[in-house]
């Protein structure tokens, strides 16, 4: 289901851009609609997390994503933010993520 959840905002942006081009909605309307469409994967993950009581995948992903976002907002280089995460992924492999549940 995850590939389809992620496709929704992509398809929604195409529709919204068409509506902007035809002057049915404004550029602001596009940005509001696109923001709302980006929330769908977030809520789908929260629902999925509610069904996986003992899994650490979703809270770990949200924690890492939030930490990366906050560090980038502080002006820290993206290479310094993502470098350790990539190194941990290489060192640990895929032992943390349980892809059978996704």
N, C-alpha and C. Protein backbone atom coordinates (compact mmCIF):
# COMPACT_ATOMS: atom_id res chain seq x y z
N UNK A 1 0.81 -1.20 0.00
CA UNK A 1 0.00 0.00 0.00
C UNK A 1 0.86 1.27 0.00
N UNK A 2 2.10 1.17 0.51
CA UNK A 2 2.94 2.37 0.62
C UNK A 2 3.24 3.04 -0.71
N UNK A 3 3.52 2.29 -1.78
CA UNK A 3 3.77 3.00 -3.04
C UNK A 3 2.57 3.83 -3.49
N UNK A 4 1.36 3.36 -3.21
CA UNK A 4 0.17 4.10 -3.61
C UNK A 4 -0.07 5.31 -2.72
N UNK A 5 0.28 5.21 -1.46
CA UNK A 5 0.12 6.35 -0.55
C UNK A 5 1.04 7.49 -0.97
N UNK A 6 2.23 7.15 -1.39
CA UNK A 6 3.19 8.17 -1.81
C UNK A 6 2.82 8.77 -3.16
N UNK A 7 2.17 7.99 -4.01
CA UNK A 7 1.78 8.50 -5.32
C UNK A 7 0.67 9.55 -5.25
N UNK A 8 -0.13 9.50 -4.21
CA UNK A 8 -1.26 10.42 -4.11
C UNK A 8 -0.84 11.89 -4.15
N UNK A 9 0.15 12.33 -3.35
CA UNK A 9 0.55 13.74 -3.46
C UNK A 9 1.14 14.10 -4.84
N UNK A 10 1.82 13.16 -5.46
CA UNK A 10 2.39 13.42 -6.78
C UNK A 10 1.28 13.66 -7.79
N UNK A 11 0.28 12.80 -7.79
CA UNK A 11 -0.83 12.96 -8.72
C UNK A 11 -1.67 14.19 -8.39
N UNK A 12 -1.81 14.47 -7.10
CA UNK A 12 -2.59 15.64 -6.68
C UNK A 12 -1.92 16.92 -7.16
N UNK A 13 -0.59 16.96 -7.14
CA UNK A 13 0.10 18.17 -7.60
C UNK A 13 -0.15 18.40 -9.09
N UNK A 14 -0.21 17.33 -9.87
CA UNK A 14 -0.50 17.49 -11.31
C UNK A 14 -1.89 18.07 -11.52
N UNK A 15 -2.85 17.56 -10.79
CA UNK A 15 -4.23 18.08 -10.91
C UNK A 15 -4.29 19.54 -10.47
N UNK A 16 -3.65 19.83 -9.34
CA UNK A 16 -3.68 21.20 -8.83
C UNK A 16 -2.99 22.18 -9.77
N UNK A 17 -1.87 21.76 -10.36
CA UNK A 17 -1.18 22.64 -11.32
C UNK A 17 -2.03 22.89 -12.56
N UNK A 18 -2.78 21.89 -12.98
CA UNK A 18 -3.70 22.08 -14.10
C UNK A 18 -4.77 23.09 -13.75
N UNK A 19 -5.29 23.01 -12.51
CA UNK A 19 -6.30 23.97 -12.08
C UNK A 19 -5.74 25.38 -11.98
N UNK A 20 -4.49 25.51 -11.60
CA UNK A 20 -3.85 26.84 -11.55
C UNK A 20 -3.70 27.38 -12.97
N UNK A 21 -3.28 26.54 -13.87
CA UNK A 21 -3.06 26.96 -15.26
C UNK A 21 -4.37 27.43 -15.90
N UNK A 22 -5.48 26.79 -15.53
CA UNK A 22 -6.78 27.17 -16.08
C UNK A 22 -7.45 28.27 -15.26
N UNK A 23 -6.71 28.83 -14.30
CA UNK A 23 -7.19 29.92 -13.43
C UNK A 23 -8.42 29.54 -12.63
N UNK A 24 -8.54 28.27 -12.27
CA UNK A 24 -9.65 27.83 -11.42
C UNK A 24 -9.29 28.04 -9.95
N UNK A 25 -8.02 27.82 -9.61
CA UNK A 25 -7.53 28.12 -8.26
C UNK A 25 -6.29 29.00 -8.38
N UNK A 26 -5.93 29.64 -7.29
CA UNK A 26 -4.75 30.51 -7.29
C UNK A 26 -3.50 29.69 -6.92
N UNK A 27 -2.36 30.34 -7.01
CA UNK A 27 -1.11 29.68 -6.60
C UNK A 27 -1.16 29.34 -5.12
N UNK A 28 -1.77 30.19 -4.34
CA UNK A 28 -1.92 29.92 -2.90
C UNK A 28 -2.80 28.67 -2.69
N UNK A 29 -3.87 28.57 -3.48
CA UNK A 29 -4.72 27.39 -3.40
C UNK A 29 -3.96 26.12 -3.74
N UNK A 30 -3.06 26.23 -4.73
CA UNK A 30 -2.22 25.08 -5.07
C UNK A 30 -1.37 24.66 -3.88
N UNK A 31 -0.73 25.63 -3.23
CA UNK A 31 0.16 25.30 -2.12
C UNK A 31 -0.61 24.72 -0.93
N UNK A 32 -1.78 25.23 -0.67
CA UNK A 32 -2.60 24.68 0.42
C UNK A 32 -3.02 23.25 0.08
N UNK A 33 -3.49 23.04 -1.15
CA UNK A 33 -3.90 21.70 -1.57
C UNK A 33 -2.74 20.71 -1.56
N UNK A 34 -1.59 21.16 -2.00
CA UNK A 34 -0.42 20.28 -2.02
C UNK A 34 0.02 19.94 -0.60
N UNK A 35 -0.03 20.91 0.30
CA UNK A 35 0.32 20.65 1.69
C UNK A 35 -0.63 19.61 2.30
N UNK A 36 -1.92 19.76 2.03
CA UNK A 36 -2.90 18.80 2.56
C UNK A 36 -2.63 17.41 1.97
N UNK A 37 -2.30 17.34 0.69
CA UNK A 37 -2.03 16.03 0.08
C UNK A 37 -0.77 15.40 0.65
N UNK A 38 0.18 16.22 1.10
CA UNK A 38 1.39 15.66 1.72
C UNK A 38 1.12 15.10 3.11
N UNK A 39 0.00 15.47 3.71
CA UNK A 39 -0.35 14.94 5.03
C UNK A 39 -0.91 13.53 4.96
N UNK A 40 -1.42 13.11 3.81
CA UNK A 40 -2.01 11.78 3.70
C UNK A 40 -1.04 10.66 4.04
N UNK A 41 0.20 10.66 3.52
CA UNK A 41 1.13 9.60 3.93
C UNK A 41 1.43 9.63 5.43
N UNK A 42 1.47 10.81 6.01
CA UNK A 42 1.73 10.93 7.44
C UNK A 42 0.62 10.23 8.23
N UNK A 43 -0.64 10.52 7.90
CA UNK A 43 -1.75 9.91 8.62
C UNK A 43 -1.87 8.42 8.32
N UNK A 44 -1.53 8.02 7.11
CA UNK A 44 -1.54 6.59 6.80
C UNK A 44 -0.49 5.86 7.62
N UNK A 45 0.67 6.48 7.82
CA UNK A 45 1.71 5.86 8.64
C UNK A 45 1.28 5.79 10.10
N UNK A 46 0.62 6.83 10.59
CA UNK A 46 0.13 6.79 11.96
C UNK A 46 -0.91 5.69 12.15
N UNK A 47 -1.80 5.52 11.18
CA UNK A 47 -2.79 4.45 11.25
C UNK A 47 -2.10 3.09 11.22
N UNK A 48 -1.12 2.98 10.34
CA UNK A 48 -0.36 1.73 10.24
C UNK A 48 0.38 1.46 11.54
N UNK A 49 0.92 2.50 12.14
CA UNK A 49 1.64 2.34 13.41
C UNK A 49 0.69 1.85 14.50
N UNK A 50 -0.54 2.32 14.49
CA UNK A 50 -1.51 1.88 15.47
C UNK A 50 -1.80 0.39 15.37
N UNK A 51 -1.65 -0.17 14.18
CA UNK A 51 -1.88 -1.60 13.97
C UNK A 51 -0.65 -2.44 14.31
N UNK A 52 0.52 -1.83 14.39
CA UNK A 52 1.77 -2.55 14.68
C UNK A 52 2.24 -2.13 16.07
N UNK A 53 1.71 -2.69 17.09
CA UNK A 53 1.95 -2.24 18.45
C UNK A 53 3.43 -2.29 18.85
N UNK A 54 4.17 -3.32 18.47
CA UNK A 54 5.53 -3.48 18.97
C UNK A 54 6.60 -3.05 17.98
N UNK A 55 6.20 -2.63 16.82
CA UNK A 55 7.18 -2.27 15.80
C UNK A 55 7.83 -0.92 16.12
N UNK A 56 9.10 -0.80 15.82
CA UNK A 56 9.82 0.45 16.04
C UNK A 56 10.02 1.23 14.75
N UNK A 57 9.57 0.69 13.64
CA UNK A 57 9.84 1.29 12.33
C UNK A 57 9.30 2.71 12.21
N UNK A 58 8.02 2.89 12.45
CA UNK A 58 7.40 4.19 12.21
C UNK A 58 7.90 5.26 13.19
N UNK A 59 7.93 4.98 14.50
CA UNK A 59 8.46 6.04 15.39
C UNK A 59 9.92 6.35 15.11
N UNK A 60 10.70 5.35 14.73
CA UNK A 60 12.10 5.58 14.40
C UNK A 60 12.22 6.46 13.16
N UNK A 61 11.41 6.18 12.15
CA UNK A 61 11.45 6.98 10.93
C UNK A 61 11.02 8.42 11.20
N UNK A 62 9.96 8.60 11.99
CA UNK A 62 9.51 9.95 12.31
C UNK A 62 10.53 10.69 13.17
N UNK A 63 11.16 10.00 14.08
CA UNK A 63 12.16 10.63 14.94
C UNK A 63 13.37 11.07 14.12
N UNK A 64 13.85 10.19 13.26
CA UNK A 64 15.00 10.55 12.41
C UNK A 64 14.65 11.68 11.45
N UNK A 65 13.46 11.61 10.88
CA UNK A 65 13.03 12.67 9.96
C UNK A 65 12.90 14.01 10.65
N UNK A 66 12.32 14.00 11.83
CA UNK A 66 12.18 15.25 12.59
C UNK A 66 13.53 15.80 13.01
N UNK A 67 14.43 14.90 13.46
CA UNK A 67 15.77 15.35 13.85
C UNK A 67 16.51 15.95 12.66
N UNK A 68 16.41 15.29 11.50
CA UNK A 68 17.08 15.81 10.30
C UNK A 68 16.51 17.18 9.92
N UNK A 69 15.19 17.31 10.00
CA UNK A 69 14.56 18.59 9.66
C UNK A 69 15.01 19.70 10.61
N UNK A 70 15.00 19.42 11.90
CA UNK A 70 15.38 20.44 12.88
C UNK A 70 16.86 20.83 12.74
N UNK A 71 17.71 19.85 12.46
CA UNK A 71 19.13 20.16 12.26
C UNK A 71 19.34 21.01 11.01
N UNK A 72 18.59 20.68 9.94
CA UNK A 72 18.71 21.48 8.72
C UNK A 72 18.19 22.90 8.93
N UNK A 73 17.15 23.06 9.76
CA UNK A 73 16.63 24.40 10.06
C UNK A 73 17.64 25.23 10.83
N UNK A 74 18.53 24.56 11.54
CA UNK A 74 19.57 25.26 12.28
C UNK A 74 20.76 25.62 11.38
N UNK A 75 20.70 25.22 10.12
CA UNK A 75 21.75 25.58 9.17
C UNK A 75 22.88 24.56 9.07
N UNK A 76 22.70 23.39 9.64
CA UNK A 76 23.74 22.35 9.57
C UNK A 76 23.71 21.72 8.18
N UNK A 77 24.86 21.45 7.65
CA UNK A 77 25.00 20.90 6.31
C UNK A 77 24.24 19.58 6.17
N UNK A 78 23.62 19.39 5.01
CA UNK A 78 22.88 18.15 4.79
C UNK A 78 23.81 16.94 4.81
N UNK A 79 25.06 17.14 4.46
CA UNK A 79 26.02 16.02 4.49
C UNK A 79 26.35 15.62 5.93
N UNK A 80 26.41 16.60 6.83
CA UNK A 80 26.63 16.28 8.24
C UNK A 80 25.40 15.65 8.88
N UNK A 81 24.23 15.97 8.36
CA UNK A 81 23.00 15.39 8.90
C UNK A 81 22.80 13.96 8.41
N UNK A 82 22.91 13.77 7.10
CA UNK A 82 22.60 12.46 6.52
C UNK A 82 23.79 11.51 6.52
N UNK A 83 25.01 12.02 6.60
CA UNK A 83 26.18 11.15 6.60
C UNK A 83 26.16 10.10 7.69
N UNK A 84 25.95 10.49 8.96
CA UNK A 84 25.88 9.46 10.02
C UNK A 84 24.73 8.48 9.84
N UNK A 85 23.61 8.95 9.31
CA UNK A 85 22.48 8.04 9.09
C UNK A 85 22.81 7.00 8.03
N UNK A 86 23.48 7.43 6.97
CA UNK A 86 23.87 6.49 5.93
C UNK A 86 24.92 5.52 6.46
N UNK A 87 25.86 6.03 7.26
CA UNK A 87 26.89 5.16 7.84
C UNK A 87 26.26 4.11 8.76
N UNK A 88 25.27 4.50 9.56
CA UNK A 88 24.58 3.54 10.42
C UNK A 88 23.81 2.52 9.60
N UNK A 89 23.21 2.96 8.53
CA UNK A 89 22.48 2.03 7.66
C UNK A 89 23.42 1.01 7.04
N UNK A 90 24.61 1.46 6.65
CA UNK A 90 25.59 0.54 6.08
C UNK A 90 26.10 -0.41 7.16
N UNK A 91 26.37 0.13 8.35
CA UNK A 91 26.91 -0.70 9.44
C UNK A 91 25.89 -1.70 9.96
N UNK A 92 24.64 -1.26 10.14
CA UNK A 92 23.62 -2.12 10.72
C UNK A 92 22.85 -2.93 9.68
N UNK A 93 22.89 -2.50 8.46
CA UNK A 93 22.12 -3.18 7.43
C UNK A 93 20.64 -2.92 7.62
N UNK A 94 19.84 -3.88 7.26
CA UNK A 94 18.39 -3.72 7.35
C UNK A 94 17.82 -4.47 8.55
N UNK A 95 18.59 -4.56 9.61
CA UNK A 95 18.12 -5.30 10.78
C UNK A 95 17.07 -4.53 11.58
N UNK A 96 17.06 -3.21 11.49
CA UNK A 96 16.12 -2.42 12.28
C UNK A 96 14.74 -2.41 11.61
N UNK A 97 14.72 -2.19 10.31
CA UNK A 97 13.46 -2.11 9.60
C UNK A 97 12.90 -3.51 9.34
N UNK A 98 11.64 -3.69 9.60
CA UNK A 98 10.97 -4.95 9.34
C UNK A 98 10.09 -4.76 8.10
N UNK A 99 10.64 -5.09 6.93
CA UNK A 99 9.93 -4.82 5.69
C UNK A 99 8.72 -5.70 5.50
N UNK A 100 8.60 -6.81 6.24
CA UNK A 100 7.42 -7.65 6.13
C UNK A 100 6.18 -6.90 6.62
N UNK A 101 6.34 -5.98 7.56
CA UNK A 101 5.22 -5.23 8.09
C UNK A 101 4.83 -4.08 7.17
N UNK A 102 5.71 -3.61 6.32
CA UNK A 102 5.40 -2.49 5.44
C UNK A 102 4.70 -3.02 4.24
